[in-house]
Amino acid sequence: MYAIIGVTGHVGRAAANLLLEKKLPVRAILRNPVKGGKWEN
């Protein structure tokens, strides 16, 4: 499991998407849950 801080920003989003493309588990850590719609389970 990879935890990505800042997943709504440019670098965090790129890192998370790269991991997801490789079928690796990702957990998004959000400061503002309103911005994290795509990452919500």
C-alpha atoms as a PDB file:
ATOM      1  CA  MET A   1       0.000   0.000   0.000  1.00  0.00           C
ATOM      2  CA  TYR A   2       1.351   3.408  -0.990  1.00  0.00           C
ATOM      3  CA  ALA A   3       0.089   6.507   0.818  1.00  0.00           C
ATOM      4  CA  ILE A   4       0.253   9.648  -1.275  1.00  0.00           C
ATOM      5  CA  ILE A   5       0.117  13.026   0.450  1.00  0.00           C
ATOM      6  CA  GLY A   6      -0.954  15.884  -1.801  1.00  0.00           C
ATOM      7  CA  VAL A   7      -2.756  13.699  -4.309  1.00  0.00           C
ATOM      8  CA  THR A   8      -4.831  16.645  -5.565  1.00  0.00           C
ATOM      9  CA  GLY A   9      -1.682  18.488  -6.659  1.00  0.00           C
ATOM     10  CA  HIS A  10       0.323  17.997  -9.836  1.00  0.00           C
ATOM     11  CA  VAL A  11       3.123  15.790  -8.492  1.00  0.00           C
ATOM     12  CA  GLY A  12       0.973  13.778  -6.085  1.00  0.00           C
ATOM     13  CA  ARG A  13      -1.615  13.080  -8.787  1.00  0.00           C
ATOM     14  CA  ALA A  14       1.083  11.980 -11.242  1.00  0.00           C
ATOM     15  CA  ALA A  15       2.656   9.665  -8.659  1.00  0.00           C
ATOM     16  CA  ALA A  16      -0.685   8.127  -7.694  1.00  0.00           C
ATOM     17  CA  ASN A  17      -1.736   7.607 -11.308  1.00  0.00           C
ATOM     18  CA  LEU A  18       1.584   5.960 -12.139  1.00  0.00           C
ATOM     19  CA  LEU A  19       1.179   3.536  -9.242  1.00  0.00           C
ATOM     20  CA  LEU A  20      -2.424   2.793 -10.210  1.00  0.00           C
ATOM     21  CA  GLU A  21      -1.384   2.093 -13.811  1.00  0.00           C
ATOM     22  CA  LYS A  22       0.991  -0.536 -12.413  1.00  0.00           C
ATOM     23  CA  LYS A  23      -1.948  -2.044 -10.450  1.00  0.00           C
ATOM     24  CA  LEU A  24      -0.406  -1.111  -7.098  1.00  0.00           C
ATOM     25  CA  PRO A  25      -2.619  -0.146  -4.137  1.00  0.00           C
ATOM     26  CA  VAL A  26      -2.808   3.573  -3.375  1.00  0.00           C
ATOM     27  CA  ARG A  27      -4.270   5.430  -0.414  1.00  0.00           C
ATOM     28  CA  ALA A  28      -4.847   9.167  -0.855  1.00  0.00           C
ATOM     29  CA  ILE A  29      -4.269  11.393   2.176  1.00  0.00           C
ATOM     30  CA  LEU A  30      -6.224  14.614   1.742  1.00  0.00           C
ATOM     31  CA  ARG A  31      -6.168  17.869   3.627  1.00  0.00           C
ATOM     32  CA  ASN A  32      -9.435  18.962   2.014  1.00  0.00           C
ATOM     33  CA  PRO A  33     -11.781  16.017   1.306  1.00  0.00           C
ATOM     34  CA  VAL A  34     -13.965  18.218  -0.919  1.00  0.00           C
ATOM     35  CA  LYS A  35     -11.163  18.247  -3.526  1.00  0.00           C
ATOM     36  CA  GLY A  36     -10.662  14.480  -3.386  1.00  0.00           C
ATOM     37  CA  GLY A  37     -13.784  13.318  -5.218  1.00  0.00           C
ATOM     38  CA  LYS A  38     -11.927  10.947  -7.573  1.00  0.00           C
ATOM     39  CA  TRP A  39     -10.021   9.387  -4.679  1.00  0.00           C
ATOM     40  CA  GLU A  40     -13.028   8.715  -2.469  1.00  0.00           C
ATOM     41  CA  ASN A  41     -14.017   5.067  -1.955  1.00  0.00           C
END
